[in-house]
Structure formats: structure tokens, C-alpha cells
Amino acid sequence: MDQYSVEQHMIAQQVKANRAAVAQLTMKQFEREPKFEDDSSGSTVYEEGETFNNVFAKYKGTHKA
């Protein structure tokens, strides 16, 4: 094998090892994170009760193109 092939094989092995390490760390992180609980109270976005004020529709119909 020429030097290029040797280096390419070495890099492929490093990528494979890094992929396995990242997968293992990701799985460990999921184990440590708190689990989501089923909350039947609904979304907090809708509980805020904020209304949308469309400032661009304020003068709609008063101007002819």
C-alpha cells in the first residue's frame, strides 16, 4: 500500500472510533437527563393569553393601490 492508502485507512479507523465514542456519550447523556412527564395541563404558550395586534392591518382598506 502506498502512503496515501495507509493514511486514508488510518483516518477511516479514527472516524469509526470517534463515531462510537460520540454515540456512547450521547446515550450516557440521555440516561442522565430527567424524563419528560406527561402533563395534561396543556401548553404554556396558550396559557399566557397574549393577543396578537396586527399593526399592518390597522389601515387596511383605507388606501387604494
PDB file of N, CA and C in Angstrom:
ATOM      1  N   MET A   1       0.844  -1.190   0.000  1.00  0.00           N
ATOM      2  CA  MET A   1       0.000   0.000   0.000  1.00  0.00           C
ATOM      3  C   MET A   1       0.881   1.243   0.000  1.00  0.00           C
ATOM      4  N   ASP A   2       0.473   2.186  -0.750  1.00  0.00           N
ATOM      5  CA  ASP A   2       1.217   3.437  -0.760  1.00  0.00           C
ATOM      6  C   ASP A   2       0.851   4.263   0.470  1.00  0.00           C
ATOM      7  N   GLN A   3       1.565   5.332   0.680  1.00  0.00           N
ATOM      8  CA  GLN A   3       1.384   6.163   1.872  1.00  0.00           C
ATOM      9  C   GLN A   3      -0.021   6.762   1.938  1.00  0.00           C
ATOM     10  N   TYR A   4      -0.570   7.145   0.795  1.00  0.00           N
ATOM     11  CA  TYR A   4      -1.911   7.731   0.752  1.00  0.00           C
ATOM     12  C   TYR A   4      -2.951   6.736   1.254  1.00  0.00           C
ATOM     13  N   SER A   5      -2.857   5.508   0.844  1.00  0.00           N
ATOM     14  CA  SER A   5      -3.806   4.478   1.271  1.00  0.00           C
ATOM     15  C   SER A   5      -3.672   4.177   2.759  1.00  0.00           C
ATOM     16  N   VAL A   6      -2.451   4.174   3.244  1.00  0.00           N
ATOM     17  CA  VAL A   6      -2.225   3.939   4.673  1.00  0.00           C
ATOM     18  C   VAL A   6      -2.863   5.052   5.496  1.00  0.00           C
ATOM     19  N   GLU A   7      -2.651   6.291   5.078  1.00  0.00           N
ATOM     20  CA  GLU A   7      -3.225   7.427   5.797  1.00  0.00           C
ATOM     21  C   GLU A   7      -4.747   7.414   5.713  1.00  0.00           C
ATOM     22  N   GLN A   8      -5.275   7.078   4.550  1.00  0.00           N
ATOM     23  CA  GLN A   8      -6.719   7.013   4.386  1.00  0.00           C
ATOM     24  C   GLN A   8      -7.328   5.951   5.290  1.00  0.00           C
ATOM     25  N   HIS A   9      -6.679   4.805   5.390  1.00  0.00           N
ATOM     26  CA  HIS A   9      -7.155   3.732   6.271  1.00  0.00           C
ATOM     27  C   HIS A   9      -7.097   4.174   7.740  1.00  0.00           C
ATOM     28  N   MET A  10      -6.020   4.865   8.113  1.00  0.00           N
ATOM     29  CA  MET A  10      -5.872   5.337   9.492  1.00  0.00           C
ATOM     30  C   MET A  10      -6.976   6.346   9.833  1.00  0.00           C
ATOM     31  N   ILE A  11      -7.262   7.261   8.925  1.00  0.00           N
ATOM     32  CA  ILE A  11      -8.313   8.256   9.160  1.00  0.00           C
ATOM     33  C   ILE A  11      -9.672   7.577   9.265  1.00  0.00           C
ATOM     34  N   ALA A  12      -9.916   6.576   8.434  1.00  0.00           N
ATOM     35  CA  ALA A  12     -11.184   5.851   8.497  1.00  0.00           C
ATOM     36  C   ALA A  12     -11.348   5.159   9.847  1.00  0.00           C
ATOM     37  N   GLN A  13     -10.281   4.610  10.368  1.00  0.00           N
ATOM     38  CA  GLN A  13     -10.335   3.967  11.682  1.00  0.00           C
ATOM     39  C   GLN A  13     -10.588   4.992  12.782  1.00  0.00           C
ATOM     40  N   GLN A  14      -9.995   6.175  12.668  1.00  0.00           N
ATOM     41  CA  GLN A  14     -10.219   7.235  13.654  1.00  0.00           C
ATOM     42  C   GLN A  14     -11.664   7.719  13.612  1.00  0.00           C
ATOM     43  N   VAL A  15     -12.211   7.868  12.415  1.00  0.00           N
ATOM     44  CA  VAL A  15     -13.603   8.293  12.274  1.00  0.00           C
ATOM     45  C   VAL A  15     -14.525   7.256  12.899  1.00  0.00           C
ATOM     46  N   LYS A  16     -14.240   5.998  12.671  1.00  0.00           N
ATOM     47  CA  LYS A  16     -15.052   4.915  13.237  1.00  0.00           C
ATOM     48  C   LYS A  16     -15.000   4.941  14.765  1.00  0.00           C
ATOM     49  N   ALA A  17     -13.813   5.145  15.321  1.00  0.00           N
ATOM     50  CA  ALA A  17     -13.665   5.203  16.782  1.00  0.00           C
ATOM     51  C   ALA A  17     -14.364   6.431  17.349  1.00  0.00           C
ATOM     52  N   ASN A  18     -14.249   7.571  16.664  1.00  0.00           N
ATOM     53  CA  ASN A  18     -14.916   8.796  17.128  1.00  0.00           C
ATOM     54  C   ASN A  18     -16.426   8.646  17.081  1.00  0.00           C
ATOM     55  N   ARG A  19     -16.930   8.009  16.032  1.00  0.00           N
ATOM     56  CA  ARG A  19     -18.381   7.792  15.909  1.00  0.00           C
ATOM     57  C   ARG A  19     -18.887   6.948  17.071  1.00  0.00           C
ATOM     58  N   ALA A  20     -18.145   5.911  17.428  1.00  0.00           N
ATOM     59  CA  ALA A  20     -18.552   5.061  18.542  1.00  0.00           C
ATOM     60  C   ALA A  20     -18.509   5.831  19.863  1.00  0.00           C
ATOM     61  N   ALA A  21     -17.487   6.664  20.039  1.00  0.00           N
ATOM     62  CA  ALA A  21     -17.370   7.445  21.274  1.00  0.00           C
ATOM     63  C   ALA A  21     -18.507   8.455  21.394  1.00  0.00           C
ATOM     64  N   VAL A  22     -18.832   9.123  20.304  1.00  0.00           N
ATOM     65  CA  VAL A  22     -19.922  10.107  20.329  1.00  0.00           C
ATOM     66  C   VAL A  22     -21.247   9.413  20.618  1.00  0.00           C
ATOM     67  N   ALA A  23     -21.477   8.267  20.022  1.00  0.00           N
ATOM     68  CA  ALA A  23     -22.719   7.528  20.275  1.00  0.00           C
ATOM     69  C   ALA A  23     -22.813   7.118  21.742  1.00  0.00           C
ATOM     70  N   GLN A  24     -21.701   6.672  22.301  1.00  0.00           N
ATOM     71  CA  GLN A  24     -21.701   6.251  23.702  1.00  0.00           C
ATOM     72  C   GLN A  24     -21.955   7.453  24.627  1.00  0.00           C
ATOM     73  N   LEU A  25     -21.312   8.568  24.360  1.00  0.00           N
ATOM     74  CA  LEU A  25     -21.524   9.759  25.183  1.00  0.00           C
ATOM     75  C   LEU A  25     -22.954  10.281  25.059  1.00  0.00           C
ATOM     76  N   THR A  26     -23.514  10.201  23.872  1.00  0.00           N
ATOM     77  CA  THR A  26     -24.890  10.638  23.674  1.00  0.00           C
ATOM     78  C   THR A  26     -25.846   9.782  24.486  1.00  0.00           C
ATOM     79  N   MET A  27     -25.655   8.491  24.466  1.00  0.00           N
ATOM     80  CA  MET A  27     -26.515   7.592  25.236  1.00  0.00           C
ATOM     81  C   MET A  27     -26.381   7.850  26.734  1.00  0.00           C
ATOM     82  N   LYS A  28     -25.174   8.110  27.206  1.00  0.00           N
ATOM     83  CA  LYS A  28     -24.977   8.415  28.627  1.00  0.00           C
ATOM     84  C   LYS A  28     -25.667   9.718  29.001  1.00  0.00           C
ATOM     85  N   GLN A  29     -25.641  10.684  28.108  1.00  0.00           N
ATOM     86  CA  GLN A  29     -26.297  11.966  28.373  1.00  0.00           C
ATOM     87  C   GLN A  29     -27.807  11.775  28.498  1.00  0.00           C
ATOM     88  N   PHE A  30     -28.401  10.956  27.628  1.00  0.00           N
ATOM     89  CA  PHE A  30     -29.831  10.694  27.701  1.00  0.00           C
ATOM     90  C   PHE A  30     -30.203   9.997  29.004  1.00  0.00           C
ATOM     91  N   GLU A  31     -29.318   9.159  29.508  1.00  0.00           N
ATOM     92  CA  GLU A  31     -29.597   8.464  30.766  1.00  0.00           C
ATOM     93  C   GLU A  31     -29.623   9.437  31.938  1.00  0.00           C
ATOM     94  N   ARG A  32     -28.814  10.498  31.882  1.00  0.00           N
ATOM     95  CA  ARG A  32     -28.733  11.454  32.987  1.00  0.00           C
ATOM     96  C   ARG A  32     -29.807  12.519  32.940  1.00  0.00           C
ATOM     97  N   GLU A  33     -30.357  12.808  31.782  1.00  0.00           N
ATOM     98  CA  GLU A  33     -31.366  13.852  31.664  1.00  0.00           C
ATOM     99  C   GLU A  33     -32.672  13.408  32.306  1.00  0.00           C
ATOM    100  N   PRO A  34     -33.380  14.348  32.928  1.00  0.00           N
ATOM    101  CA  PRO A  34     -34.672  13.985  33.515  1.00  0.00           C
ATOM    102  C   PRO A  34     -35.668  13.603  32.426  1.00  0.00           C
ATOM    103  N   LYS A  35     -36.498  12.670  32.746  1.00  0.00           N
ATOM    104  CA  LYS A  35     -37.504  12.204  31.789  1.00  0.00           C
ATOM    105  C   LYS A  35     -38.643  13.213  31.724  1.00  0.00           C
ATOM    106  N   PHE A  36     -39.249  13.333  30.550  1.00  0.00           N
ATOM    107  CA  PHE A  36     -40.407  14.193  30.395  1.00  0.00           C
ATOM    108  C   PHE A  36     -41.615  13.481  30.994  1.00  0.00           C
ATOM    109  N   GLU A  37     -42.363  14.218  31.782  1.00  0.00           N
ATOM    110  CA  GLU A  37     -43.566  13.651  32.365  1.00  0.00           C
ATOM    111  C   GLU A  37     -44.770  14.104  31.559  1.00  0.00           C
ATOM    112  N   ASP A  38     -45.784  13.271  31.504  1.00  0.00           N
ATOM    113  CA  ASP A  38     -46.992  13.611  30.769  1.00  0.00           C
ATOM    114  C   ASP A  38     -47.768  14.648  31.567  1.00  0.00           C
ATOM    115  N   ASP A  39     -47.836  15.850  31.036  1.00  0.00           N
ATOM    116  CA  ASP A  39     -48.531  16.944  31.706  1.00  0.00           C
ATOM    117  C   ASP A  39     -49.821  17.224  30.954  1.00  0.00           C
ATOM    118  N   SER A  40     -50.937  16.942  31.573  1.00  0.00           N
ATOM    119  CA  SER A  40     -52.216  17.100  30.894  1.00  0.00           C
ATOM    120  C   SER A  40     -52.765  18.524  31.004  1.00  0.00           C
ATOM    121  N   SER A  41     -51.988  19.459  31.569  1.00  0.00           N
ATOM    122  CA  SER A  41     -52.486  20.820  31.730  1.00  0.00           C
ATOM    123  C   SER A  41     -52.437  21.602  30.423  1.00  0.00           C
ATOM    124  N   GLY A  42     -51.761  21.087  29.412  1.00  0.00           N
ATOM    125  CA  GLY A  42     -51.718  21.765  28.122  1.00  0.00           C
ATOM    126  C   GLY A  42     -50.436  22.541  27.935  1.00  0.00           C
ATOM    127  N   SER A  43     -50.392  23.265  26.851  1.00  0.00           N
ATOM    128  CA  SER A  43     -49.206  24.026  26.506  1.00  0.00           C
ATOM    129  C   SER A  43     -49.179  25.344  27.274  1.00  0.00           C
ATOM    130  N   THR A  44     -47.992  25.750  27.685  1.00  0.00           N
ATOM    131  CA  THR A  44     -47.862  27.018  28.399  1.00  0.00           C
ATOM    132  C   THR A  44     -47.998  28.193  27.448  1.00  0.00           C
ATOM    133  N   VAL A  45     -47.834  27.960  26.150  1.00  0.00           N
ATOM    134  CA  VAL A  45     -47.969  29.046  25.181  1.00  0.00           C
ATOM    135  C   VAL A  45     -49.398  29.570  25.186  1.00  0.00           C
ATOM    136  N   TYR A  46     -50.356  28.680  25.265  1.00  0.00           N
ATOM    137  CA  TYR A  46     -51.757  29.083  25.232  1.00  0.00           C
ATOM    138  C   TYR A  46     -52.247  29.610  26.574  1.00  0.00           C
ATOM    139  N   GLU A  47     -51.522  29.330  27.630  1.00  0.00           N
ATOM    140  CA  GLU A  47     -51.931  29.806  28.954  1.00  0.00           C
ATOM    141  C   GLU A  47     -51.569  31.272  29.173  1.00  0.00           C
ATOM    142  N   GLU A  48     -50.680  31.816  28.348  1.00  0.00           N
ATOM    143  CA  GLU A  48     -50.258  33.192  28.529  1.00  0.00           C
ATOM    144  C   GLU A  48     -51.378  34.175  28.216  1.00  0.00           C
ATOM    145  N   GLY A  49     -52.229  33.842  27.282  1.00  0.00           N
ATOM    146  CA  GLY A  49     -53.370  34.678  26.972  1.00  0.00           C
ATOM    147  C   GLY A  49     -53.040  35.955  26.229  1.00  0.00           C
ATOM    148  N   GLU A  50     -51.865  36.050  25.664  1.00  0.00           N
ATOM    149  CA  GLU A  50     -51.488  37.232  24.922  1.00  0.00           C
ATOM    150  C   GLU A  50     -52.201  37.256  23.578  1.00  0.00           C
ATOM    151  N   THR A  51     -52.681  38.428  23.182  1.00  0.00           N
ATOM    152  CA  THR A  51     -53.340  38.544  21.888  1.00  0.00           C
ATOM    153  C   THR A  51     -52.381  39.163  20.892  1.00  0.00           C
ATOM    154  N   PHE A  52     -52.613  38.884  19.644  1.00  0.00           N
ATOM    155  CA  PHE A  52     -51.775  39.401  18.574  1.00  0.00           C
ATOM    156  C   PHE A  52     -52.399  40.661  18.015  1.00  0.00           C
ATOM    157  N   ASN A  53     -51.662  41.751  18.008  1.00  0.00           N
ATOM    158  CA  ASN A  53     -52.135  43.016  17.479  1.00  0.00           C
ATOM    159  C   ASN A  53     -51.412  43.266  16.160  1.00  0.00           C
ATOM    160  N   ASN A  54     -52.120  43.125  15.052  1.00  0.00           N
ATOM    161  CA  ASN A  54     -51.541  43.294  13.727  1.00  0.00           C
ATOM    162  C   ASN A  54     -51.577  44.773  13.368  1.00  0.00           C
ATOM    163  N   VAL A  55     -50.438  45.440  13.516  1.00  0.00           N
ATOM    164  CA  VAL A  55     -50.376  46.869  13.259  1.00  0.00           C
ATOM    165  C   VAL A  55     -50.490  47.179  11.773  1.00  0.00           C
ATOM    166  N   PHE A  56     -50.197  46.215  10.915  1.00  0.00           N
ATOM    167  CA  PHE A  56     -50.272  46.448   9.482  1.00  0.00           C
ATOM    168  C   PHE A  56     -51.712  46.376   8.973  1.00  0.00           C
ATOM    169  N   ALA A  57     -52.583  45.697   9.676  1.00  0.00           N
ATOM    170  CA  ALA A  57     -53.973  45.582   9.256  1.00  0.00           C
ATOM    171  C   ALA A  57     -54.804  46.753   9.764  1.00  0.00           C
ATOM    172  N   LYS A  58     -54.204  47.617  10.518  1.00  0.00           N
ATOM    173  CA  LYS A  58     -54.897  48.759  11.126  1.00  0.00           C
ATOM    174  C   LYS A  58     -55.526  49.654  10.059  1.00  0.00           C
ATOM    175  N   TYR A  59     -54.811  49.939   8.990  1.00  0.00           N
ATOM    176  CA  TYR A  59     -55.296  50.828   7.949  1.00  0.00           C
ATOM    177  C   TYR A  59     -55.715  50.073   6.701  1.00  0.00           C
ATOM    178  N   LYS A  60     -56.045  48.840   6.825  1.00  0.00           N
ATOM    179  CA  LYS A  60     -56.421  48.019   5.674  1.00  0.00           C
ATOM    180  C   LYS A  60     -57.732  48.532   5.079  1.00  0.00           C
ATOM    181  N   GLY A  61     -57.717  48.740   3.778  1.00  0.00           N
ATOM    182  CA  GLY A  61     -58.918  49.184   3.100  1.00  0.00           C
ATOM    183  C   GLY A  61     -59.040  50.694   2.972  1.00  0.00           C
ATOM    184  N   THR A  62     -58.166  51.453   3.617  1.00  0.00           N
ATOM    185  CA  THR A  62     -58.261  52.904   3.538  1.00  0.00           C
ATOM    186  C   THR A  62     -57.399  53.470   2.428  1.00  0.00           C
ATOM    187  N   HIS A  63     -56.583  52.635   1.797  1.00  0.00           N
ATOM    188  CA  HIS A  63     -55.692  53.103   0.749  1.00  0.00           C
ATOM    189  C   HIS A  63     -55.921  52.311  -0.528  1.00  0.00           C
ATOM    190  N   LYS A  64     -56.093  53.022  -1.634  1.00  0.00           N
ATOM    191  CA  LYS A  64     -56.278  52.346  -2.912  1.00  0.00           C
ATOM    192  C   LYS A  64     -54.951  52.274  -3.643  1.00  0.00           C
ATOM    193  N   ALA A  65     -54.708  51.135  -4.246  1.00  0.00           N
ATOM    194  CA  ALA A  65     -53.451  50.951  -4.972  1.00  0.00           C
ATOM    195  C   ALA A  65     -53.454  51.641  -6.307  1.00  0.00           C
TER     196      ALA A  65
END
